[in-house]
C-alpha atoms as a PDB file:
ATOM      1  CA  VAL A   1       5.302  20.887  12.152  1.00  0.00           C
ATOM      2  CA  THR A   2       8.557  18.734  10.828  1.00  0.00           C
ATOM      3  CA  THR A   3       7.181  15.390  12.031  1.00  0.00           C
ATOM      4  CA  ILE A   4       3.844  13.717  11.919  1.00  0.00           C
ATOM      5  CA  GLU A   5       4.383  10.885  14.715  1.00  0.00           C
ATOM      6  CA  SER A   6       2.960   7.169  14.684  1.00  0.00           C
ATOM      7  CA  CYS A   7      -0.663   7.133  14.813  1.00  0.00           C
ATOM      8  CA  ALA A   8      -0.813  11.061  14.903  1.00  0.00           C
ATOM      9  CA  PHE A   9      -4.315  10.909  13.168  1.00  0.00           C
ATOM     10  CA  ASP A  10      -5.111   7.310  14.213  1.00  0.00           C
ATOM     11  CA  ARG A  11      -8.906   6.621  14.105  1.00  0.00           C
ATOM     12  CA  CYS A  12      -9.791  10.201  13.134  1.00  0.00           C
ATOM     13  CA  SER A  13     -13.079   9.158  11.186  1.00  0.00           C
ATOM     14  CA  GLY A  14     -14.029  12.837  10.265  1.00  0.00           C
ATOM     15  CA  LEU A  15     -10.425  13.510   8.581  1.00  0.00           C
ATOM     16  CA  THR A  16     -10.867  13.348   4.673  1.00  0.00           C
ATOM     17  CA  SER A  17      -7.993  14.925   3.236  1.00  0.00           C
ATOM     18  CA  VAL A  18      -4.590  16.097   4.295  1.00  0.00           C
ATOM     19  CA  THR A  19      -2.242  18.363   2.882  1.00  0.00           C
ATOM     20  CA  ILE A  20       1.643  17.277   3.979  1.00  0.00           C
ATOM     21  CA  SER A  21       3.463  20.768   4.041  1.00  0.00           C
ATOM     22  CA  ASP A  22       6.577  21.538   3.168  1.00  0.00           C
ATOM     23  CA  SER A  23       8.298  21.902   6.095  1.00  0.00           C
ATOM     24  CA  VAL A  24       7.266  18.023   6.925  1.00  0.00           C
ATOM     25  CA  THR A  25      10.640  16.130   6.878  1.00  0.00           C
ATOM     26  CA  SER A  26       9.126  12.804   8.650  1.00  0.00           C
ATOM     27  CA  ILE A  27       6.405  10.827   8.841  1.00  0.00           C
ATOM     28  CA  ASP A  28       6.293   7.774  11.198  1.00  0.00           C
ATOM     29  CA  SER A  29       4.632   4.363   9.824  1.00  0.00           C
ATOM     30  CA  ASP A  30       0.707   4.521  11.298  1.00  0.00           C
ATOM     31  CA  ALA A  31       0.473   8.546  10.833  1.00  0.00           C
ATOM     32  CA  PHE A  32      -2.717   7.816   9.535  1.00  0.00           C
ATOM     33  CA  ASP A  33      -3.878   4.484  11.004  1.00  0.00           C
ATOM     34  CA  ARG A  34      -7.824   3.668  10.967  1.00  0.00           C
ATOM     35  CA  CYS A  35      -8.721   7.066   9.459  1.00  0.00           C
ATOM     36  CA  SER A  36     -11.890   5.622   8.278  1.00  0.00           C
ATOM     37  CA  SER A  37     -13.005   8.703   5.865  1.00  0.00           C
ATOM     38  CA  LEU A  38      -9.613   9.874   4.075  1.00  0.00           C
ATOM     39  CA  THR A  39      -9.804  10.369   0.723  1.00  0.00           C
ATOM     40  CA  ALA A  40      -6.717  11.852  -0.237  1.00  0.00           C
ATOM     41  CA  ILE A  41      -3.039  12.471   1.170  1.00  0.00           C
ATOM     42  CA  ASP A  42      -1.537  15.648  -0.852  1.00  0.00           C
ATOM     43  CA  VAL A  43       1.706  16.920  -0.593  1.00  0.00           C
ATOM     44  CA  ASP A  44       3.309  20.508  -1.241  1.00  0.00           C
ATOM     45  CA  THR A  45       5.415  20.399  -4.393  1.00  0.00           C
ATOM     46  CA  ASN A  46       7.998  21.860  -2.331  1.00  0.00           C
ATOM     47  CA  ASN A  47       8.693  19.071  -0.224  1.00  0.00           C
ATOM     48  CA  GLU A  48      11.778  17.641  -0.048  1.00  0.00           C
ATOM     49  CA  TYR A  49      11.002  14.371   1.212  1.00  0.00           C
ATOM     50  CA  TYR A  50       7.639  13.517   0.265  1.00  0.00           C
ATOM     51  CA  ALA A  51       5.270  13.466  -2.783  1.00  0.00           C
ATOM     52  CA  SER A  52       1.973  12.526  -4.087  1.00  0.00           C
ATOM     53  CA  GLU A  53       0.192  11.036  -6.890  1.00  0.00           C
ATOM     54  CA  ASP A  54      -3.754  11.182  -6.960  1.00  0.00           C
ATOM     55  CA  GLY A  55      -4.016  11.060  -3.557  1.00  0.00           C
ATOM     56  CA  VAL A  56      -1.711   8.391  -2.790  1.00  0.00           C
ATOM     57  CA  LEU A  57       1.522   9.217  -0.141  1.00  0.00           C
ATOM     58  CA  PHE A  58       5.053   8.138  -1.673  1.00  0.00           C
ATOM     59  CA  ASN A  59       8.550   9.211  -0.927  1.00  0.00           C
ATOM     60  CA  LYS A  60       9.989  11.864  -3.094  1.00  0.00           C
ATOM     61  CA  ASN A  61      11.484   9.791  -5.426  1.00  0.00           C
ATOM     62  CA  LYS A  62       8.116   7.646  -5.351  1.00  0.00           C
ATOM     63  CA  THR A  63      10.059   4.634  -5.111  1.00  0.00           C
ATOM     64  CA  VAL A  64       8.350   4.042  -2.203  1.00  0.00           C
ATOM     65  CA  LEU A  65       4.505   4.038  -1.635  1.00  0.00           C
ATOM     66  CA  ILE A  66       3.875   4.822   1.889  1.00  0.00           C
ATOM     67  CA  GLN A  67      -0.050   5.347   2.398  1.00  0.00           C
ATOM     68  CA  TYR A  68      -3.092   4.343   0.108  1.00  0.00           C
ATOM     69  CA  PRO A  69      -5.804   6.325   1.535  1.00  0.00           C
ATOM     70  CA  MET A  70      -8.301   4.419   3.432  1.00  0.00           C
ATOM     71  CA  LYS A  71     -11.500   5.563   1.709  1.00  0.00           C
ATOM     72  CA  LYS A  72      -9.938   6.165  -1.788  1.00  0.00           C
ATOM     73  CA  ASP A  73     -12.994   5.021  -4.102  1.00  0.00           C
ATOM     74  CA  ASN A  74     -11.001   3.262  -6.933  1.00  0.00           C
ATOM     75  CA  GLN A  75     -11.817  -0.126  -6.999  1.00  0.00           C
ATOM     76  CA  LYS A  76      -8.989  -1.113  -9.039  1.00  0.00           C
ATOM     77  CA  TYR A  77      -5.229   0.099  -8.736  1.00  0.00           C
ATOM     78  CA  MET A  78      -2.001  -0.033 -10.528  1.00  0.00           C
ATOM     79  CA  ILE A  79       1.413   1.211  -8.609  1.00  0.00           C
ATOM     80  CA  PRO A  80       3.380   3.225 -10.555  1.00  0.00           C
ATOM     81  CA  ASP A  81       6.530   1.834 -12.390  1.00  0.00           C
ATOM     82  CA  SER A  82       8.818   4.081 -10.068  1.00  0.00           C
ATOM     83  CA  VAL A  83       7.817   2.141  -7.039  1.00  0.00           C
ATOM     84  CA  THR A  84      10.391  -0.403  -5.244  1.00  0.00           C
ATOM     85  CA  SER A  85       8.592  -1.140  -2.127  1.00  0.00           C
ATOM     86  CA  ILE A  86       5.583  -0.809  -0.351  1.00  0.00           C
ATOM     87  CA  ASP A  87       5.326   0.272   2.974  1.00  0.00           C
ATOM     88  CA  SER A  88       3.767  -1.819   6.099  1.00  0.00           C
ATOM     89  CA  ASP A  89       0.236  -1.104   6.030  1.00  0.00           C
ATOM     90  CA  ALA A  90       0.376   0.965   3.033  1.00  0.00           C
ATOM     91  CA  PHE A  91      -2.881   0.037   1.809  1.00  0.00           C
ATOM     92  CA  SER A  92      -4.681  -1.692   5.290  1.00  0.00           C
ATOM     93  CA  ASP A  93      -8.276  -1.533   5.351  1.00  0.00           C
ATOM     94  CA  CYS A  94      -9.024   0.197   2.105  1.00  0.00           C
ATOM     95  CA  SER A  95     -12.448  -1.410   1.554  1.00  0.00           C
ATOM     96  CA  SER A  96     -13.094  -0.282  -1.506  1.00  0.00           C
ATOM     97  CA  LEU A  97      -9.978  -1.752  -3.935  1.00  0.00           C
ATOM     98  CA  THR A  98     -10.877  -4.994  -5.706  1.00  0.00           C
ATOM     99  CA  SER A  99      -7.830  -5.192  -7.507  1.00  0.00           C
ATOM    100  CA  ILE A 100      -4.120  -4.305  -7.532  1.00  0.00           C
ATOM    101  CA  THR A 101      -1.620  -4.482  -9.859  1.00  0.00           C
ATOM    102  CA  ILE A 102       2.388  -4.281  -8.630  1.00  0.00           C
ATOM    103  CA  PRO A 103       4.803  -3.977 -11.548  1.00  0.00           C
ATOM    104  CA  ASP A 104       8.046  -5.564 -11.754  1.00  0.00           C
ATOM    105  CA  SER A 105      10.047  -3.006 -10.490  1.00  0.00           C
ATOM    106  CA  VAL A 106       8.521  -3.690  -6.646  1.00  0.00           C
ATOM    107  CA  THR A 107      10.956  -5.824  -4.548  1.00  0.00           C
ATOM    108  CA  SER A 108       9.680  -5.972  -1.050  1.00  0.00           C
ATOM    109  CA  ILE A 109       6.015  -5.793   0.467  1.00  0.00           C
ATOM    110  CA  GLY A 110       6.035  -4.681   4.065  1.00  0.00           C
ATOM    111  CA  SER A 111       3.977  -6.322   6.892  1.00  0.00           C
ATOM    112  CA  ASN A 112       0.544  -6.117   6.960  1.00  0.00           C
ATOM    113  CA  ALA A 113       0.394  -4.100   3.545  1.00  0.00           C
ATOM    114  CA  PHE A 114      -2.852  -5.476   2.388  1.00  0.00           C
ATOM    115  CA  GLU A 115      -4.297  -6.383   5.786  1.00  0.00           C
ATOM    116  CA  ASP A 116      -8.316  -6.363   6.334  1.00  0.00           C
ATOM    117  CA  CYS A 117      -8.644  -5.152   2.265  1.00  0.00           C
ATOM    118  CA  SER A 118     -11.852  -7.331   2.580  1.00  0.00           C
ATOM    119  CA  SER A 119     -13.238  -6.373  -0.928  1.00  0.00           C
ATOM    120  CA  LEU A 120      -9.896  -7.559  -2.630  1.00  0.00           C
ATOM    121  CA  THR A 121     -10.631 -10.341  -5.039  1.00  0.00           C
ATOM    122  CA  SER A 122      -7.269  -9.952  -7.326  1.00  0.00           C
ATOM    123  CA  ILE A 123      -3.614  -9.225  -6.624  1.00  0.00           C
ATOM    124  CA  THR A 124      -1.078  -9.265  -9.365  1.00  0.00           C
ATOM    125  CA  LEU A 125       2.679  -9.838  -8.414  1.00  0.00           C
ATOM    126  CA  ASN A 126       4.762  -9.622 -11.778  1.00  0.00           C
ATOM    127  CA  ASN A 127       8.378  -9.625 -10.228  1.00  0.00           C
ATOM    128  CA  PRO A 128       8.983 -13.228  -9.429  1.00  0.00           C
ATOM    129  CA  ASN A 129      11.437 -12.572  -6.697  1.00  0.00           C
ATOM    130  CA  CYS A 130       9.335  -9.665  -4.490  1.00  0.00           C
ATOM    131  CA  GLU A 131       9.814 -10.594  -1.204  1.00  0.00           C
ATOM    132  CA  ILE A 132       6.614 -10.267   1.041  1.00  0.00           C
ATOM    133  CA  TYR A 133       6.711 -10.129   4.334  1.00  0.00           C
ATOM    134  CA  ASP A 134       6.047 -13.427   6.104  1.00  0.00           C
ATOM    135  CA  SER A 135       2.702 -13.309   7.390  1.00  0.00           C
ATOM    136  CA  LYS A 136      -0.933 -14.809   6.814  1.00  0.00           C
ATOM    137  CA  SER A 137      -1.882 -11.048   7.388  1.00  0.00           C
ATOM    138  CA  THR A 138       0.373  -9.197   4.438  1.00  0.00           C
ATOM    139  CA  ILE A 139      -2.023  -9.817   1.816  1.00  0.00           C
ATOM    140  CA  HIS A 140      -5.935 -10.456   2.557  1.00  0.00           C
ATOM    141  CA  SER A 141      -7.225 -13.845   2.552  1.00  0.00           C
ATOM    142  CA  SER A 142     -10.254 -12.709   0.058  1.00  0.00           C
ATOM    143  CA  ALA A 143      -7.508 -12.157  -2.362  1.00  0.00           C
ATOM    144  CA  THR A 144      -6.484 -14.242  -5.321  1.00  0.00           C
ATOM    145  CA  ILE A 145      -2.741 -14.248  -5.973  1.00  0.00           C
ATOM    146  CA  TYR A 146      -1.631 -13.828  -9.518  1.00  0.00           C
ATOM    147  CA  GLY A 147       2.224 -14.532 -10.010  1.00  0.00           C
ATOM    148  CA  TYR A 148       4.701 -16.834 -11.599  1.00  0.00           C
ATOM    149  CA  GLU A 149       5.684 -20.328 -11.156  1.00  0.00           C
ATOM    150  CA  GLY A 150       8.316 -20.891  -8.706  1.00  0.00           C
ATOM    151  CA  SER A 151       7.969 -17.084  -7.456  1.00  0.00           C
ATOM    152  CA  THR A 152       7.554 -15.767  -4.146  1.00  0.00           C
ATOM    153  CA  ALA A 153       4.282 -15.164  -4.905  1.00  0.00           C
ATOM    154  CA  GLN A 154       3.332 -18.729  -5.325  1.00  0.00           C
ATOM    155  CA  ALA A 155       5.168 -19.807  -2.093  1.00  0.00           C
ATOM    156  CA  TYR A 156       3.432 -17.406  -0.050  1.00  0.00           C
ATOM    157  CA  ALA A 157       0.260 -18.499  -1.408  1.00  0.00           C
ATOM    158  CA  GLU A 158       0.852 -22.073  -0.656  1.00  0.00           C
ATOM    159  CA  LYS A 159       2.258 -21.238   2.950  1.00  0.00           C
ATOM    160  CA  PHE A 160      -0.977 -19.035   3.578  1.00  0.00           C
ATOM    161  CA  ASP A 161      -3.643 -21.293   2.090  1.00  0.00           C
ATOM    162  CA  ARG A 162      -4.494 -18.451  -0.805  1.00  0.00           C
ATOM    163  CA  GLU A 163      -5.600 -19.369  -4.158  1.00  0.00           C
ATOM    164  CA  PHE A 164      -2.703 -18.804  -7.051  1.00  0.00           C
ATOM    165  CA  ILE A 165      -3.286 -18.553 -10.518  1.00  0.00           C
ATOM    166  CA  SER A 166      -0.262 -18.710 -12.695  1.00  0.00           C
ATOM    167  CA  LEU A 167       0.852 -15.786 -15.205  1.00  0.00           C
ATOM    168  CA  GLY A 168       3.280 -18.232 -16.741  1.00  0.00           C
END
């Protein structure tokens, strides 16, 4: 297997973990869409294109967070400082997460990145210029957005009627 196509595991409710072999060179978006029991995505260390850390899928250099497993049981998650972008749907439907901290290294957040994260109460954006995909479903409405005055986080919160708390 070299490619995992879009929706390849769509709605596979029995899938609890997956290991990406070293032969995989491409993983399409939404490959693990709505995998309601998925707790870990592991990657063979010899894979030249992808990596995983604590069951979370990244590109090899860990600059792109591709997929956070839907059923991973962490309540809090701090995105690694190596990450510069969060893919579309990366955290979609993660029901256990209550708090996410996004480092200042992150410069973009893709569409629906935190869609349907119904338990998410806090999302902290440390980069005042982080580009947030312009849609009300990018960040779930239950989340209070923490960011800086005059930031893109504040602009997003105001545009989509989300609670915003200033970090300074």
